[in-house]
Structure formats: C-alpha cells, structure tokens
C-alpha atoms as a PDB file:
ATOM      1  CA  UNK A   1       0.001  -0.509   0.128  1.00  0.00           C
ATOM      2  CA  UNK A   2       1.566   3.545  -0.992  1.00  0.00           C
ATOM      3  CA  UNK A   3       2.163   6.228   1.574  1.00  0.00           C
ATOM      4  CA  UNK A   4       0.234   9.423   0.788  1.00  0.00           C
ATOM      5  CA  UNK A   5       2.651  11.535   3.189  1.00  0.00           C
ATOM      6  CA  UNK A   6       6.521  11.948   2.550  1.00  0.00           C
ATOM      7  CA  UNK A   7       9.154  10.749   5.338  1.00  0.00           C
ATOM      8  CA  UNK A   8       9.811  14.301   5.072  1.00  0.00           C
ATOM      9  CA  UNK A   9       8.191  16.828   3.066  1.00  0.00           C
ATOM     10  CA  UNK A  10      10.367  18.276   0.055  1.00  0.00           C
ATOM     11  CA  UNK A  11      11.622  21.792   0.444  1.00  0.00           C
ATOM     12  CA  UNK A  12      10.551  22.221  -3.001  1.00  0.00           C
ATOM     13  CA  UNK A  13       6.925  21.975  -1.898  1.00  0.00           C
ATOM     14  CA  UNK A  14       7.164  24.513   0.534  1.00  0.00           C
ATOM     15  CA  UNK A  15      10.305  26.966  -0.085  1.00  0.00           C
ATOM     16  CA  UNK A  16      10.161  30.525  -1.937  1.00  0.00           C
ATOM     17  CA  UNK A  17      10.999  30.303  -5.487  1.00  0.00           C
ATOM     18  CA  UNK A  18      13.786  32.415  -5.256  1.00  0.00           C
ATOM     19  CA  UNK A  19      15.396  31.137  -2.438  1.00  0.00           C
ATOM     20  CA  UNK A  20      15.373  27.654  -4.033  1.00  0.00           C
ATOM     21  CA  UNK A  21      17.232  29.053  -7.599  1.00  0.00           C
ATOM     22  CA  UNK A  22      19.984  30.237  -5.307  1.00  0.00           C
ATOM     23  CA  UNK A  23      19.952  27.407  -2.972  1.00  0.00           C
ATOM     24  CA  UNK A  24      20.205  25.183  -6.130  1.00  0.00           C
ATOM     25  CA  UNK A  25      21.401  26.458  -8.736  1.00  0.00           C
ATOM     26  CA  UNK A  26      24.814  28.142  -7.252  1.00  0.00           C
ATOM     27  CA  UNK A  27      26.072  24.659  -6.024  1.00  0.00           C
ATOM     28  CA  UNK A  28      24.992  22.915  -9.158  1.00  0.00           C
ATOM     29  CA  UNK A  29      27.012  25.577 -11.130  1.00  0.00           C
ATOM     30  CA  UNK A  30      30.270  25.346  -8.781  1.00  0.00           C
ATOM     31  CA  UNK A  31      29.839  21.835  -9.263  1.00  0.00           C
ATOM     32  CA  UNK A  32      30.226  21.907 -12.823  1.00  0.00           C
ATOM     33  CA  UNK A  33      32.824  24.250 -13.147  1.00  0.00           C
ATOM     34  CA  UNK A  34      34.727  22.167 -10.874  1.00  0.00           C
ATOM     35  CA  UNK A  35      34.084  18.813 -12.431  1.00  0.00           C
ATOM     36  CA  UNK A  36      35.400  20.361 -15.995  1.00  0.00           C
ATOM     37  CA  UNK A  37      38.401  20.236 -14.698  1.00  0.00           C
ATOM     38  CA  UNK A  38      39.011  16.817 -15.058  1.00  0.00           C
ATOM     39  CA  UNK A  39      39.827  17.396 -18.631  1.00  0.00           C
ATOM     40  CA  UNK A  40      41.380  20.653 -17.961  1.00  0.00           C
ATOM     41  CA  UNK A  41      43.680  19.466 -15.690  1.00  0.00           C
ATOM     42  CA  UNK A  42      44.326  16.331 -17.612  1.00  0.00           C
ATOM     43  CA  UNK A  43      45.258  18.195 -21.039  1.00  0.00           C
ATOM     44  CA  UNK A  44      47.288  20.841 -18.741  1.00  0.00           C
ATOM     45  CA  UNK A  45      49.774  17.949 -17.058  1.00  0.00           C
ATOM     46  CA  UNK A  46      49.644  15.518 -19.731  1.00  0.00           C
ATOM     47  CA  UNK A  47      50.725  18.968 -22.486  1.00  0.00           C
ATOM     48  CA  UNK A  48      54.067  19.655 -20.197  1.00  0.00           C
ATOM     49  CA  UNK A  49      54.770  15.666 -18.828  1.00  0.00           C
ATOM     50  CA  UNK A  50      53.973  14.167 -21.984  1.00  0.00           C
ATOM     51  CA  UNK A  51      54.073  16.316 -24.735  1.00  0.00           C
ATOM     52  CA  UNK A  52      51.192  16.846 -27.713  1.00  0.00           C
ATOM     53  CA  UNK A  53      51.069  12.852 -28.846  1.00  0.00           C
ATOM     54  CA  UNK A  54      49.745  12.515 -25.103  1.00  0.00           C
ATOM     55  CA  UNK A  55      46.997  15.333 -25.499  1.00  0.00           C
ATOM     56  CA  UNK A  56      45.907  13.953 -28.682  1.00  0.00           C
ATOM     57  CA  UNK A  57      45.674  10.242 -27.381  1.00  0.00           C
ATOM     58  CA  UNK A  58      43.201  11.561 -24.127  1.00  0.00           C
ATOM     59  CA  UNK A  59      41.383  13.461 -26.620  1.00  0.00           C
ATOM     60  CA  UNK A  60      40.832  10.540 -28.921  1.00  0.00           C
ATOM     61  CA  UNK A  61      39.387   8.602 -26.022  1.00  0.00           C
ATOM     62  CA  UNK A  62      37.464  11.507 -24.588  1.00  0.00           C
ATOM     63  CA  UNK A  63      34.493  10.547 -26.550  1.00  0.00           C
ATOM     64  CA  UNK A  64      33.248   7.187 -24.863  1.00  0.00           C
ATOM     65  CA  UNK A  65      33.564  10.013 -21.541  1.00  0.00           C
ATOM     66  CA  UNK A  66      30.707  12.250 -23.313  1.00  0.00           C
ATOM     67  CA  UNK A  67      29.255   9.051 -24.306  1.00  0.00           C
ATOM     68  CA  UNK A  68      29.069   7.211 -20.409  1.00  0.00           C
ATOM     69  CA  UNK A  69      28.074  10.908 -18.941  1.00  0.00           C
ATOM     70  CA  UNK A  70      25.064  11.285 -21.448  1.00  0.00           C
ATOM     71  CA  UNK A  71      23.786   8.155 -20.133  1.00  0.00           C
ATOM     72  CA  UNK A  72      24.524   8.414 -16.966  1.00  0.00           C
ATOM     73  CA  UNK A  73      22.873  12.029 -17.202  1.00  0.00           C
ATOM     74  CA  UNK A  74      19.587  10.100 -18.783  1.00  0.00           C
ATOM     75  CA  UNK A  75      19.026   8.034 -15.980  1.00  0.00           C
ATOM     76  CA  UNK A  76      20.043  10.114 -13.131  1.00  0.00           C
ATOM     77  CA  UNK A  77      18.383  13.277 -14.238  1.00  0.00           C
ATOM     78  CA  UNK A  78      15.052  10.725 -14.850  1.00  0.00           C
ATOM     79  CA  UNK A  79      15.406   9.360 -11.731  1.00  0.00           C
ATOM     80  CA  UNK A  80      15.900  12.805 -10.137  1.00  0.00           C
ATOM     81  CA  UNK A  81      12.581  14.341 -11.936  1.00  0.00           C
ATOM     82  CA  UNK A  82      10.824  10.971 -11.028  1.00  0.00           C
ATOM     83  CA  UNK A  83      11.491  11.386  -7.547  1.00  0.00           C
ATOM     84  CA  UNK A  84      10.188  15.063  -7.531  1.00  0.00           C
ATOM     85  CA  UNK A  85       7.172  14.031  -9.368  1.00  0.00           C
ATOM     86  CA  UNK A  86       5.920  10.705  -7.188  1.00  0.00           C
ATOM     87  CA  UNK A  87       6.734  13.089  -4.055  1.00  0.00           C
ATOM     88  CA  UNK A  88       4.696  15.920  -5.772  1.00  0.00           C
ATOM     89  CA  UNK A  89       1.720  13.454  -5.604  1.00  0.00           C
ATOM     90  CA  UNK A  90       2.207  11.448  -2.258  1.00  0.00           C
ATOM     91  CA  UNK A  91       3.412   8.498  -3.674  1.00  0.00           C
ATOM     92  CA  UNK A  92       6.223   8.064  -1.517  1.00  0.00           C
ATOM     93  CA  UNK A  93       6.828   3.721  -2.016  1.00  0.00           C
ATOM     94  CA  UNK A  94       6.748   4.416  -5.958  1.00  0.00           C
ATOM     95  CA  UNK A  95       9.604   7.503  -5.514  1.00  0.00           C
ATOM     96  CA  UNK A  96      11.229   5.073  -3.775  1.00  0.00           C
ATOM     97  CA  UNK A  97      11.164   2.737  -6.465  1.00  0.00           C
ATOM     98  CA  UNK A  98      12.191   5.402  -8.315  1.00  0.00           C
ATOM     99  CA  UNK A  99      15.385   6.051  -6.854  1.00  0.00           C
ATOM    100  CA  UNK A 100      16.319   2.209  -6.622  1.00  0.00           C
ATOM    101  CA  UNK A 101      15.603   1.457  -9.931  1.00  0.00           C
ATOM    102  CA  UNK A 102      17.723   4.380 -11.316  1.00  0.00           C
ATOM    103  CA  UNK A 103      20.886   3.150  -9.275  1.00  0.00           C
ATOM    104  CA  UNK A 104      20.259  -0.348 -10.785  1.00  0.00           C
ATOM    105  CA  UNK A 105      19.663   0.647 -14.018  1.00  0.00           C
ATOM    106  CA  UNK A 106      22.675   2.835 -14.204  1.00  0.00           C
ATOM    107  CA  UNK A 107      25.146   0.197 -12.174  1.00  0.00           C
ATOM    108  CA  UNK A 108      23.708  -2.380 -15.086  1.00  0.00           C
ATOM    109  CA  UNK A 109      23.925   0.307 -18.073  1.00  0.00           C
ATOM    110  CA  UNK A 110      27.780   1.103 -16.814  1.00  0.00           C
ATOM    111  CA  UNK A 111      29.237  -2.382 -16.661  1.00  0.00           C
ATOM    112  CA  UNK A 112      27.807  -3.386 -19.742  1.00  0.00           C
ATOM    113  CA  UNK A 113      29.162  -0.190 -21.407  1.00  0.00           C
ATOM    114  CA  UNK A 114      32.747  -0.791 -19.227  1.00  0.00           C
ATOM    115  CA  UNK A 115      32.761  -4.133 -20.900  1.00  0.00           C
ATOM    116  CA  UNK A 116      31.621  -3.561 -24.275  1.00  0.00           C
ATOM    117  CA  UNK A 117      34.502  -0.545 -24.621  1.00  0.00           C
ATOM    118  CA  UNK A 118      37.591  -2.759 -23.132  1.00  0.00           C
ATOM    119  CA  UNK A 119      36.894  -5.608 -25.319  1.00  0.00           C
ATOM    120  CA  UNK A 120      36.788  -3.540 -27.931  1.00  0.00           C
ATOM    121  CA  UNK A 121      38.482  -0.513 -27.264  1.00  0.00           C
ATOM    122  CA  UNK A 122      40.917  -0.883 -30.498  1.00  0.00           C
ATOM    123  CA  UNK A 123      38.128  -0.253 -32.877  1.00  0.00           C
ATOM    124  CA  UNK A 124      36.689   1.697 -31.031  1.00  0.00           C
ATOM    125  CA  UNK A 125      39.642   3.981 -30.515  1.00  0.00           C
ATOM    126  CA  UNK A 126      40.215   3.849 -34.728  1.00  0.00           C
ATOM    127  CA  UNK A 127      36.213   4.839 -35.286  1.00  0.00           C
ATOM    128  CA  UNK A 128      36.974   8.332 -32.481  1.00  0.00           C
ATOM    129  CA  UNK A 129      40.192   9.383 -34.854  1.00  0.00           C
ATOM    130  CA  UNK A 130      43.487   7.041 -33.027  1.00  0.00           C
ATOM    131  CA  UNK A 131      46.129   6.835 -35.676  1.00  0.00           C
ATOM    132  CA  UNK A 132      48.855   4.520 -35.562  1.00  0.00           C
ATOM    133  CA  UNK A 133      51.118   7.723 -33.763  1.00  0.00           C
ATOM    134  CA  UNK A 134      48.744   8.120 -31.137  1.00  0.00           C
ATOM    135  CA  UNK A 135      47.363   4.659 -30.882  1.00  0.00           C
ATOM    136  CA  UNK A 136      49.687   2.869 -28.449  1.00  0.00           C
ATOM    137  CA  UNK A 137      49.227   6.166 -25.832  1.00  0.00           C
ATOM    138  CA  UNK A 138      45.701   5.756 -26.442  1.00  0.00           C
ATOM    139  CA  UNK A 139      45.096   2.497 -25.345  1.00  0.00           C
ATOM    140  CA  UNK A 140      47.118   3.226 -22.242  1.00  0.00           C
ATOM    141  CA  UNK A 141      45.024   6.147 -21.290  1.00  0.00           C
ATOM    142  CA  UNK A 142      41.437   4.290 -22.703  1.00  0.00           C
ATOM    143  CA  UNK A 143      42.379   0.628 -20.437  1.00  0.00           C
ATOM    144  CA  UNK A 144      42.500   2.625 -17.272  1.00  0.00           C
ATOM    145  CA  UNK A 145      39.458   5.142 -18.540  1.00  0.00           C
ATOM    146  CA  UNK A 146      37.197   2.168 -19.400  1.00  0.00           C
ATOM    147  CA  UNK A 147      38.287   0.787 -15.666  1.00  0.00           C
ATOM    148  CA  UNK A 148      36.691   3.608 -14.245  1.00  0.00           C
ATOM    149  CA  UNK A 149      33.358   4.139 -16.017  1.00  0.00           C
ATOM    150  CA  UNK A 150      30.734   2.156 -13.684  1.00  0.00           C
ATOM    151  CA  UNK A 151      31.891   4.658 -10.861  1.00  0.00           C
ATOM    152  CA  UNK A 152      32.337   7.763 -13.053  1.00  0.00           C
ATOM    153  CA  UNK A 153      28.365   6.929 -14.249  1.00  0.00           C
ATOM    154  CA  UNK A 154      26.890   5.625 -10.917  1.00  0.00           C
ATOM    155  CA  UNK A 155      27.889   9.261  -9.044  1.00  0.00           C
ATOM    156  CA  UNK A 156      26.853  11.132 -11.379  1.00  0.00           C
ATOM    157  CA  UNK A 157      23.326   9.628 -11.583  1.00  0.00           C
ATOM    158  CA  UNK A 158      22.906   9.525  -7.917  1.00  0.00           C
ATOM    159  CA  UNK A 159      24.037  13.113  -7.771  1.00  0.00           C
ATOM    160  CA  UNK A 160      21.175  14.090  -9.641  1.00  0.00           C
ATOM    161  CA  UNK A 161      19.061  12.429  -7.194  1.00  0.00           C
ATOM    162  CA  UNK A 162      21.213  13.985  -4.073  1.00  0.00           C
ATOM    163  CA  UNK A 163      20.033  17.499  -5.496  1.00  0.00           C
ATOM    164  CA  UNK A 164      16.655  16.542  -6.139  1.00  0.00           C
ATOM    165  CA  UNK A 165      16.584  15.040  -2.630  1.00  0.00           C
ATOM    166  CA  UNK A 166      17.021  18.418  -0.824  1.00  0.00           C
ATOM    167  CA  UNK A 167      20.963  18.090  -0.803  1.00  0.00           C
ATOM    168  CA  UNK A 168      22.641  20.394  -3.742  1.00  0.00           C
ATOM    169  CA  UNK A 169      26.323  21.156  -1.637  1.00  0.00           C
ATOM    170  CA  UNK A 170      25.970  17.539  -0.157  1.00  0.00           C
ATOM    171  CA  UNK A 171      25.870  16.798  -4.403  1.00  0.00           C
ATOM    172  CA  UNK A 172      28.108  19.547  -5.221  1.00  0.00           C
ATOM    173  CA  UNK A 173      31.079  17.990  -2.401  1.00  0.00           C
ATOM    174  CA  UNK A 174      30.561  14.456  -3.755  1.00  0.00           C
ATOM    175  CA  UNK A 175      31.829  16.267  -7.415  1.00  0.00           C
ATOM    176  CA  UNK A 176      34.440  18.598  -6.244  1.00  0.00           C
ATOM    177  CA  UNK A 177      35.952  15.954  -3.869  1.00  0.00           C
ATOM    178  CA  UNK A 178      37.188  14.094  -6.849  1.00  0.00           C
ATOM    179  CA  UNK A 179      38.179  16.802  -8.673  1.00  0.00           C
ATOM    180  CA  UNK A 180      40.280  17.571  -6.051  1.00  0.00           C
ATOM    181  CA  UNK A 181      42.050  14.572  -5.620  1.00  0.00           C
ATOM    182  CA  UNK A 182      42.379  14.325  -9.140  1.00  0.00           C
ATOM    183  CA  UNK A 183      44.536  18.237  -9.643  1.00  0.00           C
ATOM    184  CA  UNK A 184      46.629  17.105  -6.573  1.00  0.00           C
ATOM    185  CA  UNK A 185      47.147  13.337  -7.817  1.00  0.00           C
ATOM    186  CA  UNK A 186      48.015  14.323 -11.438  1.00  0.00           C
ATOM    187  CA  UNK A 187      51.444  15.994 -11.397  1.00  0.00           C
ATOM    188  CA  UNK A 188      52.453  13.412  -8.707  1.00  0.00           C
ATOM    189  CA  UNK A 189      51.451  10.385 -11.356  1.00  0.00           C
ATOM    190  CA  UNK A 190      53.112  12.254 -14.173  1.00  0.00           C
ATOM    191  CA  UNK A 191      56.288  13.921 -12.609  1.00  0.00           C
ATOM    192  CA  UNK A 192      57.111  12.144  -9.555  1.00  0.00           C
ATOM    193  CA  UNK A 193      56.062   8.475 -10.620  1.00  0.00           C
ATOM    194  CA  UNK A 194      56.828   9.794 -14.153  1.00  0.00           C
ATOM    195  CA  UNK A 195      53.899   7.150 -15.500  1.00  0.00           C
ATOM    196  CA  UNK A 196      52.939   9.535 -18.336  1.00  0.00           C
ATOM    197  CA  UNK A 197      49.154   8.965 -19.704  1.00  0.00           C
ATOM    198  CA  UNK A 198      48.718   6.249 -17.130  1.00  0.00           C
ATOM    199  CA  UNK A 199      49.311   8.371 -14.155  1.00  0.00           C
ATOM    200  CA  UNK A 200      46.570  11.146 -15.540  1.00  0.00           C
ATOM    201  CA  UNK A 201      44.344   8.240 -16.152  1.00  0.00           C
ATOM    202  CA  UNK A 202      45.043   6.465 -12.701  1.00  0.00           C
ATOM    203  CA  UNK A 203      44.687  10.166 -10.694  1.00  0.00           C
ATOM    204  CA  UNK A 204      41.330  10.134 -12.858  1.00  0.00           C
ATOM    205  CA  UNK A 205      39.940   6.729 -12.105  1.00  0.00           C
ATOM    206  CA  UNK A 206      41.138   7.886  -7.936  1.00  0.00           C
ATOM    207  CA  UNK A 207      38.652  11.068  -8.334  1.00  0.00           C
ATOM    208  CA  UNK A 208      35.966   8.968  -9.566  1.00  0.00           C
ATOM    209  CA  UNK A 209      35.844   6.595  -7.109  1.00  0.00           C
ATOM    210  CA  UNK A 210      36.136   9.214  -4.325  1.00  0.00           C
ATOM    211  CA  UNK A 211      33.340  10.905  -5.323  1.00  0.00           C
ATOM    212  CA  UNK A 212      31.605   7.432  -6.171  1.00  0.00           C
ATOM    213  CA  UNK A 213      32.139   6.162  -2.456  1.00  0.00           C
ATOM    214  CA  UNK A 214      30.785   9.606  -1.144  1.00  0.00           C
ATOM    215  CA  UNK A 215      27.891   9.779  -3.428  1.00  0.00           C
ATOM    216  CA  UNK A 216      26.747   6.127  -2.938  1.00  0.00           C
ATOM    217  CA  UNK A 217      27.025   6.681   0.918  1.00  0.00           C
ATOM    218  CA  UNK A 218      24.409   9.017   0.364  1.00  0.00           C
ATOM    219  CA  UNK A 219      21.662   6.677  -0.473  1.00  0.00           C
ATOM    220  CA  UNK A 220      20.915   5.592   2.738  1.00  0.00           C
ATOM    221  CA  UNK A 221      20.614   8.768   3.931  1.00  0.00           C
ATOM    222  CA  UNK A 222      18.012  10.045   1.992  1.00  0.00           C
ATOM    223  CA  UNK A 223      15.403  12.440   3.360  1.00  0.00           C
ATOM    224  CA  UNK A 224      12.258  11.919   1.647  1.00  0.00           C
ATOM    225  CA  UNK A 225      12.501   8.118   0.842  1.00  0.00           C
ATOM    226  CA  UNK A 226      14.429   5.717   2.340  1.00  0.00           C
ATOM    227  CA  UNK A 227      15.343   3.066  -0.516  1.00  0.00           C
ATOM    228  CA  UNK A 228      14.823  -0.526   0.764  1.00  0.00           C
ATOM    229  CA  UNK A 229      16.600  -3.769  -1.099  1.00  0.00           C
ATOM    230  CA  UNK A 230      12.914  -4.373  -3.155  1.00  0.00           C
ATOM    231  CA  UNK A 231      13.130  -1.079  -4.831  1.00  0.00           C
ATOM    232  CA  UNK A 232      16.740  -1.670  -6.712  1.00  0.00           C
ATOM    233  CA  UNK A 233      14.595  -4.471  -8.233  1.00  0.00           C
ATOM    234  CA  UNK A 234      14.579  -3.760 -11.878  1.00  0.00           C
ATOM    235  CA  UNK A 235      10.632  -2.936 -12.980  1.00  0.00           C
ATOM    236  CA  UNK A 236      10.009  -2.127 -16.569  1.00  0.00           C
ATOM    237  CA  UNK A 237       7.705   0.562 -16.416  1.00  0.00           C
ATOM    238  CA  UNK A 238       9.737   2.646 -13.565  1.00  0.00           C
ATOM    239  CA  UNK A 239      12.963   1.985 -15.661  1.00  0.00           C
ATOM    240  CA  UNK A 240      10.776   3.297 -18.830  1.00  0.00           C
ATOM    241  CA  UNK A 241       9.376   6.357 -17.376  1.00  0.00           C
ATOM    242  CA  UNK A 242      13.717   7.309 -15.904  1.00  0.00           C
ATOM    243  CA  UNK A 243      14.596   6.482 -19.545  1.00  0.00           C
ATOM    244  CA  UNK A 244      11.625   9.076 -20.805  1.00  0.00           C
ATOM    245  CA  UNK A 245      11.744  11.932 -17.831  1.00  0.00           C
ATOM    246  CA  UNK A 246      15.929  11.626 -19.051  1.00  0.00           C
ATOM    247  CA  UNK A 247      15.833  11.764 -22.549  1.00  0.00           C
ATOM    248  CA  UNK A 248      16.621  15.344 -23.124  1.00  0.00           C
ATOM    249  CA  UNK A 249      19.512  15.503 -20.612  1.00  0.00           C
ATOM    250  CA  UNK A 250      20.802  12.584 -23.002  1.00  0.00           C
END
C-alpha cells in the first residue's frame, strides 16, 4: 500500500522559488565548473609531462566519457524527475522504487558499457580517430579510463537524485572531492612517478572512485525516501518512465 505523505516534506513544496533557485542553482553551477577540471587539468599536465601526442591520445578517448556521461545523466536526471513527481503526488513508495531502479539501471548500463569498450577498445578508438602514432598512448589511457566508467556513471546519476532530495551542497561536495583529488594526483603520477598518460588516467579514476563513495554513502541517508532492497529490483515500467524523463538530458 502506498504511503500518502513523505517521511520528510520536500523543500520544493514549501520554500519560496527565489530562495530555491539560489539554494540549488549555485551549488550545481559550482560543481559543474569544478567537474570540468577533470579534462582541463589532464590536458595541462599531460601537455607538460608527455607532450602533444599525449594530448592527442587523451582527446581520442574523450568521446567515450561523453557517451558515458550522457547515459548517466539520462538515468540520473530521469530518476530525479521521477522522485520529485511522485513525491508531489504523495506516492512515497513509488518514489522510493524510482530511486532504487535508477541506481540499479545505471549500474547495469555502466558495467555493460565498460565491458563493451574494453573488449573492443582498439576498433572503438579507431572510430574516434586514433592514428598509428597515437594508438599506443590512447590504449594505455583508454583502458584505465574504461575501468573507471562505472564509478563515474553511478556517482553522476546518484548526484542528480541527491539534488532532487534537497541536498545540493552534498551533491556539490561529492563532485568537488573527485576533481580536487585529480588536480593533486595528476602531477604526482606524471612528474614524480613518471607514469605519463597512465598516471593521468589513474588520477582521474581515483577521483571518480572518491566521488562514487561519497555519493553512495548518501543512499541510506535520503531525506524524502529510504530505498530498501526491494526498490532496487528493476521494473520495466519504472525504468521506462525514468528513461523518458531523462531523454532530453541525454
């Protein structure tokens, strides 16, 4: 039986619109700006430590991260929209199921994407423009980035739902912690340990894992719903709604 009132009322239902815009938009903008540092910082340090071939190799790999992010945003923003709509309707149990299904769905999709990319990495990089000159470096960088795709995608999807749950500052922190770690570790791996593009990739994945951990820790602490084991069982109709709501983000 569906509950008719949420366990904790969403701020979207009570607070003034102007205050909500400031409360949610500012942390989101800051988080997105900081998160963009991943690629920028990699390019700067790789340019200094490896050279233009390293920059070319990382740019060849970049499209797979864009594809992964598009899928993560489709599921995460779709799950956030589903959560908000169902809470607005007073259907807390359905909202809880939406959060669980979104997390389960992005986990499955991210693992499948990572496996496909790693199995067919050579032809995929050729499709993205890898030349014989760049191929070795692109394979070194791309293999490690491929291993980190699930962490990046799951944390990005959960992050969207954390904002919808009324915790934009926590969502901002989960993104910033990964970017900061990447900035710190990039020069260490590239210049101290002389690991080249592999070092840059490892620094990126460590940052993504940190963001994943911070985001995952929030799951049992949701304010408006409390996902249980049953809510993570995939349901076709729920997943369809999530993907429909998130299609524009994709």
